[in-house]
Structures are given as structure tokens and as C-alpha cells.
Amino acid sequence: MGRKQRPATRPRQLAEGENVPVVGGREPCPCGSGRRYKACHGREQADVVPLNPRPFAEFDAELDLIALHTFVPSATAELSLLGEKHEGARASIATVLPLAAPALRRSSGEVLVAAQTLNSSGDPSRDLAHSLERALEAEPGETLAYDEPPASTTPLAELIDPKAALDLRLHETFEYWFESDGQASAEQSISLERANAAIEPTLKLASVDSAYWVRRSVDRCHLRWVMPYDEEPLLDALARLHAADALRLGEGSKYAGSLRACGRLIVVWDLAVDTPGEHWEAPAASLAERLGNAFAASAPLSSAERRSRSGLTNRQLTLR
């Protein structure tokens, strides 16, 4: 006897306004059209922006871009625009903008684009590029709302010079939000007051690249250091130093852990609160030298170093 054929199952009727579930491309589309998913609602997925594990890899200023995007509270840096289309235009990147806007264009025509926003597509580089393009075409005085960047967005490295240094200027307030006339709406003024109250005093060290002293509160200070190395060899080098009790910055410091951001590790130390940020310039330079020597070591990790590496791997932090 032949096998009984199962009756074809009809797609469940979707309620009005209900999102169409994602299924395999060759499966029937859940919307009930009778077509395969890839030829129906699956086509909309083709324009979804994929996650970018290392969005600023093309930029010489990658580490500072990561710091701006991740934890620096108030800073700006002028951007070097590419192409004849925007010749003579001025644009700067800022940590945040009023009301968490992604970008704005001043009445003078100057553009400000935010590194930190409430919304993200999963690719900070594409978000910045989309906001920058929109702001350069905006009307003077316009503040932009968030707009999901399409997959066809011009890459950021084609809008700004990826080889240009980022001359970062840290600010104690967000007064740079507004032009020299100082005029702001009541809503913007309230946003400014609240934002200023939340700023954590920050100092960028000059002795090493992308290391920032941060005063979190009256009893907490940190050094946050964006490392220019791939994670696995960096953890090996840190483990060698930790096993040799050489991972400290000096008296009054303690290794706290690390966190991942934009494809790099940010390594964090707790610091003595009564020691000013400038004090850590020489200790950071010394640690950078020790870290370089640890990278140069070619011998396999010892048992003590492997234990240190395991401990370091488990000390993952989150920014609050």
C-alpha cells in the first residue's frame, strides 16, 4: 500500500498589523500569499543592516572613535570630509547631542554628528555615515531625528578621510551644543542642564594612545584604555603580566577587568581617588612597555599564566 499523504497545512492567518515571522527562504511565506518566503516578505530582509564586529577598522583613529562611541562623556573633533560634493563644508563628531539627536546642522551650515545615540542599527560606522550624509543635505538650523540606515549607505571611509588623525577636544560641559549666540529652546536648556550634571570628569592621557582617566564619583576613579590588539594575543600578554604581578599601574591602582567594544578590548583599572589624572601618565607608559615585552614573548603560557588568563577572561565588565 502506498503511503498516506499528509494534507497540506495552511498558513496561520496573521492578525492585522502583526509582523510576518522570519522562516527559511524556500518555505511558504507565513503571510499566506502562497509564494516562497524569499520571494515575498523575505525580500525586505535583504536591506537589513548586518552587525559589524569591528566598525572602525579602516580608520587610523579607530581607538578614539571607539572611546567616543562607548564612554567619553563630552568631546568633539573636526572631521576631514572627502569629495568635491562637500568641499568647503565643516563637520565635527561629538559624543552626544541635544535630546540624543543623531545629527544637526547649525544655522551657520556647520554639521555636528553624534557618536552616542539612543538607537543603533548594529553598525556604528554606518549609523554615523547615514547621519552625516543626511545632515550635510539638511537645512541650516535643522536637528535630525533617527532614521534607520539602509544597506546602501555610503561607507563612512568614503565620506571622511580614514587616515586623518582625530584631534579630540574634551569638554567639561555641553555648551558646544549651541552656537555663540547661546540661544536655546526651553526644552534644550533643560536637556543641557541635566546632561551637564551627568558629566564624569575625564582626561585623555598623552603618554599612551587612547587611555582615559575618569572620575566616576567622589569615591571612584578609573583608567579606561582602548587596546590596539586582537583579543586572544592581548589576553595572553595580560596573563603574562598578571602572573608576574606586573599588571598594576602602580601604588593605588588595581586591575578591574575588561569589556568588548567595536571589536577591541577596553581594559580598566581602579585608581586611587585622591590621585589626579596626570599622575598616571608615567605609570601608563611603563605598563605599555611591559605589555610590548609580553607580546614579544614566544614561549607557551606557563601553568600560572594559564590560570591568570582564565581569571582575566572571566572578569568582564559592563559600563554603567
C-alpha atoms as a PDB file:
ATOM      1  CA  MET A   1       0.000   0.000   0.000  1.00  0.00           C
ATOM      2  CA  GLY A   2       1.217   3.475  -0.747  1.00  0.00           C
ATOM      3  CA  ARG A   3       1.957   5.986   1.958  1.00  0.00           C
ATOM      4  CA  LYS A   4      -0.790   8.275   3.012  1.00  0.00           C
ATOM      5  CA  GLN A   5      -0.032  11.835   2.123  1.00  0.00           C
ATOM      6  CA  ARG A   6      -0.437  14.399   4.831  1.00  0.00           C
ATOM      7  CA  PRO A   7      -2.820  17.150   3.943  1.00  0.00           C
ATOM      8  CA  ALA A   8      -1.093  20.428   3.205  1.00  0.00           C
ATOM      9  CA  THR A   9      -1.157  22.765   6.190  1.00  0.00           C
ATOM     10  CA  ARG A  10      -2.491  26.216   5.594  1.00  0.00           C
ATOM     11  CA  PRO A  11      -0.532  29.141   6.998  1.00  0.00           C
ATOM     12  CA  ARG A  12      -1.988  30.621  10.158  1.00  0.00           C
ATOM     13  CA  GLN A  13      -3.967  33.759   9.414  1.00  0.00           C
ATOM     14  CA  LEU A  14      -1.991  36.744  10.710  1.00  0.00           C
ATOM     15  CA  ALA A  15      -3.787  39.337  12.749  1.00  0.00           C
ATOM     16  CA  GLU A  16      -3.981  42.853  11.348  1.00  0.00           C
ATOM     17  CA  GLY A  17      -0.701  44.671  11.978  1.00  0.00           C
ATOM     18  CA  GLU A  18       1.102  41.502  13.093  1.00  0.00           C
ATOM     19  CA  ASN A  19       4.702  41.185  11.893  1.00  0.00           C
ATOM     20  CA  VAL A  20       5.424  38.403   9.427  1.00  0.00           C
ATOM     21  CA  PRO A  21       7.670  35.799  11.147  1.00  0.00           C
ATOM     22  CA  VAL A  22      11.077  35.007   9.636  1.00  0.00           C
ATOM     23  CA  VAL A  23      11.285  31.493   8.146  1.00  0.00           C
ATOM     24  CA  GLY A  24      13.546  29.647   5.723  1.00  0.00           C
ATOM     25  CA  GLY A  25      13.853  31.208   2.291  1.00  0.00           C
ATOM     26  CA  ARG A  26      12.304  28.209   0.479  1.00  0.00           C
ATOM     27  CA  GLU A  27       9.423  27.793   2.926  1.00  0.00           C
ATOM     28  CA  PRO A  28       5.953  29.200   2.211  1.00  0.00           C
ATOM     29  CA  CYS A  29       5.681  32.795   3.358  1.00  0.00           C
ATOM     30  CA  PRO A  30       3.732  32.999   6.652  1.00  0.00           C
ATOM     31  CA  CYS A  31       1.682  35.867   5.238  1.00  0.00           C
ATOM     32  CA  GLY A  32      -0.383  33.335   3.254  1.00  0.00           C
ATOM     33  CA  SER A  33       0.456  34.640  -0.210  1.00  0.00           C
ATOM     34  CA  GLY A  34       1.350  31.149  -1.451  1.00  0.00           C
ATOM     35  CA  ARG A  35       4.830  32.287  -2.525  1.00  0.00           C
ATOM     36  CA  ARG A  36       8.127  31.241  -1.019  1.00  0.00           C
ATOM     37  CA  TYR A  37       9.354  33.471   1.793  1.00  0.00           C
ATOM     38  CA  LYS A  38      12.454  34.613  -0.127  1.00  0.00           C
ATOM     39  CA  ALA A  39      10.251  35.851  -2.979  1.00  0.00           C
ATOM     40  CA  CYS A  40       7.759  37.552  -0.690  1.00  0.00           C
ATOM     41  CA  HIS A  41       8.419  39.178   2.695  1.00  0.00           C
ATOM     42  CA  GLY A  42      11.932  37.740   2.748  1.00  0.00           C
ATOM     43  CA  ARG A  43      12.942  40.332   0.178  1.00  0.00           C
ATOM     44  CA  GLU A  44      12.576  43.007   2.859  1.00  0.00           C
ATOM     45  CA  GLN A  45      15.312  41.282   4.885  1.00  0.00           C
ATOM     46  CA  ALA A  46      17.832  41.894   2.089  1.00  0.00           C
ATOM     47  CA  ASP A  47      18.060  45.552   3.141  1.00  0.00           C
ATOM     48  CA  VAL A  48      18.618  44.828   6.850  1.00  0.00           C
ATOM     49  CA  VAL A  49      21.948  46.223   8.045  1.00  0.00           C
ATOM     50  CA  PRO A  50      24.109  43.357   9.352  1.00  0.00           C
ATOM     51  CA  LEU A  51      26.043  43.575  12.598  1.00  0.00           C
ATOM     52  CA  ASN A  52      29.586  44.844  12.107  1.00  0.00           C
ATOM     53  CA  PRO A  53      32.014  43.279  14.625  1.00  0.00           C
ATOM     54  CA  ARG A  54      34.709  45.909  14.036  1.00  0.00           C
ATOM     55  CA  PRO A  55      33.061  49.012  12.534  1.00  0.00           C
ATOM     56  CA  PHE A  56      36.028  51.419  12.668  1.00  0.00           C
ATOM     57  CA  ALA A  57      38.759  49.044  11.500  1.00  0.00           C
ATOM     58  CA  GLU A  58      39.556  51.149   8.417  1.00  0.00           C
ATOM     59  CA  PHE A  59      40.387  54.251  10.460  1.00  0.00           C
ATOM     60  CA  ASP A  60      43.753  55.237  11.905  1.00  0.00           C
ATOM     61  CA  ALA A  61      41.720  56.887  14.681  1.00  0.00           C
ATOM     62  CA  GLU A  62      39.848  53.627  15.393  1.00  0.00           C
ATOM     63  CA  LEU A  63      40.648  53.583  19.105  1.00  0.00           C
ATOM     64  CA  ASP A  64      39.477  57.131  19.772  1.00  0.00           C
ATOM     65  CA  LEU A  65      36.328  56.538  17.703  1.00  0.00           C
ATOM     66  CA  ILE A  66      35.600  53.534  19.925  1.00  0.00           C
ATOM     67  CA  ALA A  67      36.157  55.653  23.042  1.00  0.00           C
ATOM     68  CA  LEU A  68      33.842  58.376  21.712  1.00  0.00           C
ATOM     69  CA  HIS A  69      31.184  55.822  20.839  1.00  0.00           C
ATOM     70  CA  THR A  70      31.475  53.940  24.140  1.00  0.00           C
ATOM     71  CA  PHE A  71      32.279  56.041  27.190  1.00  0.00           C
ATOM     72  CA  VAL A  72      33.766  59.533  26.686  1.00  0.00           C
ATOM     73  CA  PRO A  73      31.116  61.898  28.109  1.00  0.00           C
ATOM     74  CA  SER A  74      31.689  65.217  26.338  1.00  0.00           C
ATOM     75  CA  ALA A  75      34.075  65.715  23.429  1.00  0.00           C
ATOM     76  CA  THR A  76      34.244  66.928  19.839  1.00  0.00           C
ATOM     77  CA  ALA A  77      36.630  66.502  16.916  1.00  0.00           C
ATOM     78  CA  GLU A  78      36.578  68.053  13.454  1.00  0.00           C
ATOM     79  CA  LEU A  79      36.198  65.606  10.569  1.00  0.00           C
ATOM     80  CA  SER A  80      38.145  65.665   7.286  1.00  0.00           C
ATOM     81  CA  LEU A  81      35.442  65.365   4.635  1.00  0.00           C
ATOM     82  CA  LEU A  82      36.194  63.704   1.296  1.00  0.00           C
ATOM     83  CA  GLY A  83      34.916  64.507  -2.179  1.00  0.00           C
ATOM     84  CA  GLU A  84      34.176  67.636  -4.171  1.00  0.00           C
ATOM     85  CA  LYS A  85      30.470  67.493  -3.310  1.00  0.00           C
ATOM     86  CA  HIS A  86      31.108  68.721   0.221  1.00  0.00           C
ATOM     87  CA  GLU A  87      34.192  70.831  -0.467  1.00  0.00           C
ATOM     88  CA  GLY A  88      34.322  73.712   1.986  1.00  0.00           C
ATOM     89  CA  ALA A  89      31.766  72.147   4.326  1.00  0.00           C
ATOM     90  CA  ARG A  90      32.576  71.799   8.028  1.00  0.00           C
ATOM     91  CA  ALA A  91      31.604  68.787  10.079  1.00  0.00           C
ATOM     92  CA  SER A  92      32.516  67.535  13.546  1.00  0.00           C
ATOM     93  CA  ILE A  93      31.805  64.431  15.561  1.00  0.00           C
ATOM     94  CA  ALA A  94      30.502  64.844  19.105  1.00  0.00           C
ATOM     95  CA  THR A  95      29.825  62.345  21.848  1.00  0.00           C
ATOM     96  CA  VAL A  96      26.151  63.270  22.282  1.00  0.00           C
ATOM     97  CA  LEU A  97      23.821  65.997  21.012  1.00  0.00           C
ATOM     98  CA  PRO A  98      20.726  67.704  22.476  1.00  0.00           C
ATOM     99  CA  LEU A  99      17.821  65.316  23.143  1.00  0.00           C
ATOM    100  CA  ALA A 100      20.048  62.440  21.922  1.00  0.00           C
ATOM    101  CA  ALA A 101      19.693  63.581  18.301  1.00  0.00           C
ATOM    102  CA  PRO A 102      21.882  61.718  15.777  1.00  0.00           C
ATOM    103  CA  ALA A 103      22.955  64.916  13.997  1.00  0.00           C
ATOM    104  CA  LEU A 104      22.194  68.575  13.490  1.00  0.00           C
ATOM    105  CA  ARG A 105      23.129  71.381  11.145  1.00  0.00           C
ATOM    106  CA  ARG A 106      23.792  74.771  12.675  1.00  0.00           C
ATOM    107  CA  SER A 107      22.399  77.936  11.148  1.00  0.00           C
ATOM    108  CA  SER A 108      25.997  78.639  10.025  1.00  0.00           C
ATOM    109  CA  GLY A 109      25.944  75.417   7.986  1.00  0.00           C
ATOM    110  CA  GLU A 110      28.354  73.526  10.249  1.00  0.00           C
ATOM    111  CA  VAL A 111      27.355  69.907  10.880  1.00  0.00           C
ATOM    112  CA  LEU A 112      27.567  68.001  14.175  1.00  0.00           C
ATOM    113  CA  VAL A 113      27.075  64.231  14.182  1.00  0.00           C
ATOM    114  CA  ALA A 114      26.713  62.177  17.388  1.00  0.00           C
ATOM    115  CA  ALA A 115      28.788  59.111  18.240  1.00  0.00           C
ATOM    116  CA  GLN A 116      26.365  58.094  21.025  1.00  0.00           C
ATOM    117  CA  THR A 117      22.629  57.893  20.315  1.00  0.00           C
ATOM    118  CA  LEU A 118      19.621  56.059  21.722  1.00  0.00           C
ATOM    119  CA  ASN A 119      19.212  53.993  18.540  1.00  0.00           C
ATOM    120  CA  SER A 120      21.661  51.723  16.752  1.00  0.00           C
ATOM    121  CA  SER A 121      21.475  49.532  13.663  1.00  0.00           C
ATOM    122  CA  GLY A 122      24.274  47.259  14.889  1.00  0.00           C
ATOM    123  CA  ASP A 123      26.875  49.068  12.781  1.00  0.00           C
ATOM    124  CA  PRO A 124      28.006  52.346  14.408  1.00  0.00           C
ATOM    125  CA  SER A 125      30.090  53.240  11.357  1.00  0.00           C
ATOM    126  CA  ARG A 126      27.056  53.001   9.068  1.00  0.00           C
ATOM    127  CA  ASP A 127      24.924  54.925  11.564  1.00  0.00           C
ATOM    128  CA  LEU A 128      27.474  57.759  11.570  1.00  0.00           C
ATOM    129  CA  ALA A 129      27.745  57.751   7.779  1.00  0.00           C
ATOM    130  CA  HIS A 130      23.973  57.897   7.310  1.00  0.00           C
ATOM    131  CA  SER A 131      23.571  60.698   9.847  1.00  0.00           C
ATOM    132  CA  LEU A 132      26.470  62.636   8.323  1.00  0.00           C
ATOM    133  CA  GLU A 133      25.075  62.407   4.785  1.00  0.00           C
ATOM    134  CA  ARG A 134      21.639  63.493   5.943  1.00  0.00           C
ATOM    135  CA  ALA A 135      22.989  66.395   7.982  1.00  0.00           C
ATOM    136  CA  LEU A 136      25.120  67.680   5.103  1.00  0.00           C
ATOM    137  CA  GLU A 137      21.940  67.888   2.995  1.00  0.00           C
ATOM    138  CA  ALA A 138      19.744  69.282   5.796  1.00  0.00           C
ATOM    139  CA  GLU A 139      18.516  72.842   6.047  1.00  0.00           C
ATOM    140  CA  PRO A 140      20.560  75.183   8.270  1.00  0.00           C
ATOM    141  CA  GLY A 141      19.190  75.090  11.807  1.00  0.00           C
ATOM    142  CA  GLU A 142      17.694  71.608  11.402  1.00  0.00           C
ATOM    143  CA  THR A 143      18.036  68.885  14.050  1.00  0.00           C
ATOM    144  CA  LEU A 144      17.589  65.389  12.670  1.00  0.00           C
ATOM    145  CA  ALA A 145      15.550  62.536  14.110  1.00  0.00           C
ATOM    146  CA  TYR A 146      16.807  58.946  13.958  1.00  0.00           C
ATOM    147  CA  ASP A 147      16.446  57.199  10.628  1.00  0.00           C
ATOM    148  CA  GLU A 148      17.370  53.550  10.055  1.00  0.00           C
ATOM    149  CA  PRO A 149      20.382  53.454   7.690  1.00  0.00           C
ATOM    150  CA  PRO A 150      19.779  51.380   4.561  1.00  0.00           C
ATOM    151  CA  ALA A 151      22.260  48.758   3.413  1.00  0.00           C
ATOM    152  CA  SER A 152      23.124  51.071   0.516  1.00  0.00           C
ATOM    153  CA  THR A 153      24.501  53.787   2.834  1.00  0.00           C
ATOM    154  CA  THR A 154      27.825  55.217   1.644  1.00  0.00           C
ATOM    155  CA  PRO A 155      30.632  53.749   3.793  1.00  0.00           C
ATOM    156  CA  LEU A 156      31.997  56.179   6.379  1.00  0.00           C
ATOM    157  CA  ALA A 157      35.530  55.744   4.986  1.00  0.00           C
ATOM    158  CA  GLU A 158      34.285  57.257   1.707  1.00  0.00           C
ATOM    159  CA  LEU A 159      32.858  60.314   3.466  1.00  0.00           C
ATOM    160  CA  ILE A 160      35.721  61.167   5.836  1.00  0.00           C
ATOM    161  CA  ASP A 161      39.451  60.575   5.480  1.00  0.00           C
ATOM    162  CA  PRO A 162      40.247  57.250   7.215  1.00  0.00           C
ATOM    163  CA  LYS A 163      43.927  58.249   7.510  1.00  0.00           C
ATOM    164  CA  ALA A 164      43.275  61.554   9.247  1.00  0.00           C
ATOM    165  CA  ALA A 165      44.101  61.932  12.932  1.00  0.00           C
ATOM    166  CA  LEU A 166      41.224  62.720  15.275  1.00  0.00           C
ATOM    167  CA  ASP A 167      42.101  65.868  17.208  1.00  0.00           C
ATOM    168  CA  LEU A 168      39.911  65.134  20.188  1.00  0.00           C
ATOM    169  CA  ARG A 169      38.824  68.040  22.384  1.00  0.00           C
ATOM    170  CA  LEU A 170      37.312  67.096  25.744  1.00  0.00           C
ATOM    171  CA  HIS A 171      34.787  69.475  27.312  1.00  0.00           C
ATOM    172  CA  GLU A 172      33.656  69.999  30.896  1.00  0.00           C
ATOM    173  CA  THR A 173      30.124  70.896  29.738  1.00  0.00           C
ATOM    174  CA  PHE A 174      27.888  70.517  26.687  1.00  0.00           C
ATOM    175  CA  GLU A 175      27.868  74.237  25.932  1.00  0.00           C
ATOM    176  CA  TYR A 176      29.245  73.397  22.471  1.00  0.00           C
ATOM    177  CA  TRP A 177      25.751  72.196  21.590  1.00  0.00           C
ATOM    178  CA  PHE A 178      24.698  75.749  20.888  1.00  0.00           C
ATOM    179  CA  GLU A 179      26.111  78.478  18.683  1.00  0.00           C
ATOM    180  CA  SER A 180      27.835  81.567  20.006  1.00  0.00           C
ATOM    181  CA  ASP A 181      24.554  83.468  20.376  1.00  0.00           C
ATOM    182  CA  GLY A 182      23.700  80.967  23.126  1.00  0.00           C
ATOM    183  CA  GLN A 183      20.036  80.791  22.127  1.00  0.00           C
ATOM    184  CA  ALA A 184      18.298  77.543  23.009  1.00  0.00           C
ATOM    185  CA  SER A 185      14.713  76.430  23.455  1.00  0.00           C
ATOM    186  CA  ALA A 186      13.371  75.756  26.939  1.00  0.00           C
ATOM    187  CA  GLU A 187      13.390  72.017  26.209  1.00  0.00           C
ATOM    188  CA  GLN A 188      17.010  72.172  25.014  1.00  0.00           C
ATOM    189  CA  SER A 189      18.045  74.175  28.079  1.00  0.00           C
ATOM    190  CA  ILE A 190      16.567  71.540  30.383  1.00  0.00           C
ATOM    191  CA  SER A 191      18.352  68.826  28.409  1.00  0.00           C
ATOM    192  CA  LEU A 192      21.621  70.784  28.707  1.00  0.00           C
ATOM    193  CA  GLU A 193      21.275  71.209  32.468  1.00  0.00           C
ATOM    194  CA  ARG A 194      20.609  67.509  33.019  1.00  0.00           C
ATOM    195  CA  ALA A 195      23.426  66.454  30.694  1.00  0.00           C
ATOM    196  CA  ASN A 196      25.968  68.745  32.365  1.00  0.00           C
ATOM    197  CA  ALA A 197      25.070  67.301  35.772  1.00  0.00           C
ATOM    198  CA  ALA A 198      25.845  63.780  34.494  1.00  0.00           C
ATOM    199  CA  ILE A 199      29.299  64.505  33.022  1.00  0.00           C
ATOM    200  CA  GLU A 200      32.112  62.482  34.564  1.00  0.00           C
ATOM    201  CA  PRO A 201      35.412  64.454  34.634  1.00  0.00           C
ATOM    202  CA  THR A 202      37.683  62.848  32.038  1.00  0.00           C
ATOM    203  CA  LEU A 203      41.314  63.263  30.999  1.00  0.00           C
ATOM    204  CA  LYS A 204      42.923  61.743  27.922  1.00  0.00           C
ATOM    205  CA  LEU A 205      46.464  60.626  28.733  1.00  0.00           C
ATOM    206  CA  ALA A 206      49.218  61.927  26.458  1.00  0.00           C
ATOM    207  CA  SER A 207      51.813  59.230  27.193  1.00  0.00           C
ATOM    208  CA  VAL A 208      49.891  56.373  25.526  1.00  0.00           C
ATOM    209  CA  ASP A 209      47.191  56.054  22.879  1.00  0.00           C
ATOM    210  CA  SER A 210      43.500  56.058  23.823  1.00  0.00           C
ATOM    211  CA  ALA A 211      43.772  55.807  27.608  1.00  0.00           C
ATOM    212  CA  TYR A 212      41.325  57.912  29.626  1.00  0.00           C
ATOM    213  CA  TRP A 213      41.293  58.756  33.320  1.00  0.00           C
ATOM    214  CA  VAL A 214      37.688  59.027  34.527  1.00  0.00           C
ATOM    215  CA  ARG A 215      36.304  60.184  37.889  1.00  0.00           C
ATOM    216  CA  ARG A 216      33.081  58.204  38.292  1.00  0.00           C
ATOM    217  CA  SER A 217      32.090  59.675  41.662  1.00  0.00           C
ATOM    218  CA  VAL A 218      33.618  61.140  44.819  1.00  0.00           C
ATOM    219  CA  ASP A 219      34.984  57.709  45.748  1.00  0.00           C
ATOM    220  CA  ARG A 220      35.618  56.029  42.370  1.00  0.00           C
ATOM    221  CA  CYS A 221      38.216  56.692  39.658  1.00  0.00           C
ATOM    222  CA  HIS A 222      39.160  54.501  36.698  1.00  0.00           C
ATOM    223  CA  LEU A 223      41.587  54.286  33.836  1.00  0.00           C
ATOM    224  CA  ARG A 224      39.876  53.032  30.671  1.00  0.00           C
ATOM    225  CA  TRP A 225      42.340  52.019  27.997  1.00  0.00           C
ATOM    226  CA  VAL A 226      41.212  51.017  24.493  1.00  0.00           C
ATOM    227  CA  MET A 227      43.770  48.444  23.387  1.00  0.00           C
ATOM    228  CA  PRO A 228      45.022  48.271  19.764  1.00  0.00           C
ATOM    229  CA  TYR A 229      45.438  44.476  19.756  1.00  0.00           C
ATOM    230  CA  ASP A 230      43.367  41.446  18.806  1.00  0.00           C
ATOM    231  CA  GLU A 231      41.695  39.905  21.825  1.00  0.00           C
ATOM    232  CA  GLU A 232      43.376  36.483  22.031  1.00  0.00           C
ATOM    233  CA  PRO A 233      47.039  37.609  21.905  1.00  0.00           C
ATOM    234  CA  LEU A 234      46.171  40.539  24.166  1.00  0.00           C
ATOM    235  CA  LEU A 235      44.763  38.203  26.804  1.00  0.00           C
ATOM    236  CA  ASP A 236      47.934  36.110  26.582  1.00  0.00           C
ATOM    237  CA  ALA A 237      50.100  39.187  27.132  1.00  0.00           C
ATOM    238  CA  LEU A 238      47.937  40.435  30.007  1.00  0.00           C
ATOM    239  CA  ALA A 239      48.096  36.963  31.571  1.00  0.00           C
ATOM    240  CA  ARG A 240      51.907  37.001  31.461  1.00  0.00           C
ATOM    241  CA  LEU A 241      51.931  40.333  33.292  1.00  0.00           C
ATOM    242  CA  HIS A 242      49.285  39.282  35.792  1.00  0.00           C
ATOM    243  CA  ALA A 243      51.142  36.080  36.697  1.00  0.00           C
ATOM    244  CA  ALA A 244      54.266  38.181  37.318  1.00  0.00           C
ATOM    245  CA  ASP A 245      52.282  40.709  39.428  1.00  0.00           C
ATOM    246  CA  ALA A 246      53.153  43.328  36.796  1.00  0.00           C
ATOM    247  CA  LEU A 247      49.645  44.272  35.651  1.00  0.00           C
ATOM    248  CA  ARG A 248      49.278  47.090  38.153  1.00  0.00           C
ATOM    249  CA  LEU A 249      49.736  50.702  37.154  1.00  0.00           C
ATOM    250  CA  GLY A 250      51.445  51.363  40.448  1.00  0.00           C
ATOM    251  CA  GLU A 251      50.541  52.147  44.031  1.00  0.00           C
ATOM    252  CA  GLY A 252      46.895  52.988  44.421  1.00  0.00           C
ATOM    253  CA  SER A 253      45.802  51.002  41.357  1.00  0.00           C
ATOM    254  CA  LYS A 254      44.084  47.655  40.865  1.00  0.00           C
ATOM    255  CA  TYR A 255      43.247  45.774  37.689  1.00  0.00           C
ATOM    256  CA  ALA A 256      39.428  45.734  37.413  1.00  0.00           C
ATOM    257  CA  GLY A 257      38.704  43.824  34.197  1.00  0.00           C
ATOM    258  CA  SER A 258      37.860  44.469  30.567  1.00  0.00           C
ATOM    259  CA  LEU A 259      34.928  44.897  28.210  1.00  0.00           C
ATOM    260  CA  ARG A 260      34.483  44.388  24.472  1.00  0.00           C
ATOM    261  CA  ALA A 261      33.508  47.305  22.262  1.00  0.00           C
ATOM    262  CA  CYS A 262      33.562  47.559  18.466  1.00  0.00           C
ATOM    263  CA  GLY A 263      35.962  44.651  18.087  1.00  0.00           C
ATOM    264  CA  ARG A 264      38.508  45.780  20.678  1.00  0.00           C
ATOM    265  CA  LEU A 265      39.034  45.303  24.401  1.00  0.00           C
ATOM    266  CA  ILE A 266      38.799  48.231  26.796  1.00  0.00           C
ATOM    267  CA  VAL A 267      40.967  47.367  29.802  1.00  0.00           C
ATOM    268  CA  VAL A 268      40.026  49.035  33.098  1.00  0.00           C
ATOM    269  CA  TRP A 269      41.908  49.778  36.335  1.00  0.00           C
ATOM    270  CA  ASP A 270      40.525  51.102  39.608  1.00  0.00           C
ATOM    271  CA  LEU A 271      42.580  54.078  40.773  1.00  0.00           C
ATOM    272  CA  ALA A 272      43.109  55.958  43.997  1.00  0.00           C
ATOM    273  CA  VAL A 273      40.569  58.779  44.206  1.00  0.00           C
ATOM    274  CA  ASP A 274      42.988  61.229  45.797  1.00  0.00           C
ATOM    275  CA  THR A 275      45.465  60.969  42.894  1.00  0.00           C
ATOM    276  CA  PRO A 276      44.978  63.365  39.935  1.00  0.00           C
ATOM    277  CA  GLY A 277      44.723  62.026  36.409  1.00  0.00           C
ATOM    278  CA  GLU A 278      48.085  63.485  35.337  1.00  0.00           C
ATOM    279  CA  HIS A 279      49.829  61.243  37.880  1.00  0.00           C
ATOM    280  CA  TRP A 280      49.112  58.163  35.768  1.00  0.00           C
ATOM    281  CA  GLU A 281      50.982  59.326  32.641  1.00  0.00           C
ATOM    282  CA  ALA A 282      54.323  57.724  33.584  1.00  0.00           C
ATOM    283  CA  PRO A 283      52.823  54.514  35.045  1.00  0.00           C
ATOM    284  CA  ALA A 284      50.750  54.018  31.881  1.00  0.00           C
ATOM    285  CA  ALA A 285      53.814  54.464  29.657  1.00  0.00           C
ATOM    286  CA  SER A 286      55.717  51.959  31.791  1.00  0.00           C
ATOM    287  CA  LEU A 287      52.886  49.446  31.569  1.00  0.00           C
ATOM    288  CA  ALA A 288      52.734  49.901  27.791  1.00  0.00           C
ATOM    289  CA  GLU A 289      56.412  48.964  27.620  1.00  0.00           C
ATOM    290  CA  ARG A 290      55.878  45.870  29.788  1.00  0.00           C
ATOM    291  CA  LEU A 291      52.915  44.890  27.654  1.00  0.00           C
ATOM    292  CA  GLY A 292      55.015  45.198  24.500  1.00  0.00           C
ATOM    293  CA  ASN A 293      57.634  42.896  26.011  1.00  0.00           C
ATOM    294  CA  ALA A 294      54.920  40.396  26.944  1.00  0.00           C
ATOM    295  CA  PHE A 295      53.696  40.402  23.346  1.00  0.00           C
ATOM    296  CA  ALA A 296      57.219  39.667  22.158  1.00  0.00           C
ATOM    297  CA  ALA A 297      57.438  36.530  24.331  1.00  0.00           C
ATOM    298  CA  SER A 298      57.124  33.410  22.203  1.00  0.00           C
ATOM    299  CA  ALA A 299      57.142  30.670  24.854  1.00  0.00           C
ATOM    300  CA  PRO A 300      53.835  28.896  25.610  1.00  0.00           C
ATOM    301  CA  LEU A 301      51.964  30.156  28.657  1.00  0.00           C
ATOM    302  CA  SER A 302      53.075  28.547  31.907  1.00  0.00           C
ATOM    303  CA  SER A 303      50.536  26.897  34.208  1.00  0.00           C
ATOM    304  CA  ALA A 304      50.433  30.043  36.366  1.00  0.00           C
ATOM    305  CA  GLU A 305      49.929  32.213  33.290  1.00  0.00           C
ATOM    306  CA  ARG A 306      47.131  29.944  32.061  1.00  0.00           C
ATOM    307  CA  ARG A 307      45.387  30.296  35.424  1.00  0.00           C
ATOM    308  CA  SER A 308      45.795  34.053  35.179  1.00  0.00           C
ATOM    309  CA  ARG A 309      44.360  34.054  31.666  1.00  0.00           C
ATOM    310  CA  SER A 310      41.318  32.111  32.814  1.00  0.00           C
ATOM    311  CA  GLY A 311      40.753  34.582  35.617  1.00  0.00           C
ATOM    312  CA  LEU A 312      41.160  37.578  33.308  1.00  0.00           C
ATOM    313  CA  THR A 313      38.724  36.116  30.780  1.00  0.00           C
ATOM    314  CA  ASN A 314      36.084  35.823  33.490  1.00  0.00           C
ATOM    315  CA  ARG A 315      36.488  39.430  34.634  1.00  0.00           C
ATOM    316  CA  GLN A 316      34.269  41.002  32.003  1.00  0.00           C
ATOM    317  CA  LEU A 317      32.811  44.411  32.818  1.00  0.00           C
ATOM    318  CA  THR A 318      29.847  46.436  31.645  1.00  0.00           C
ATOM    319  CA  LEU A 319      29.679  50.221  31.530  1.00  0.00           C
ATOM    320  CA  ARG A 320      27.048  51.850  33.710  1.00  0.00           C
END
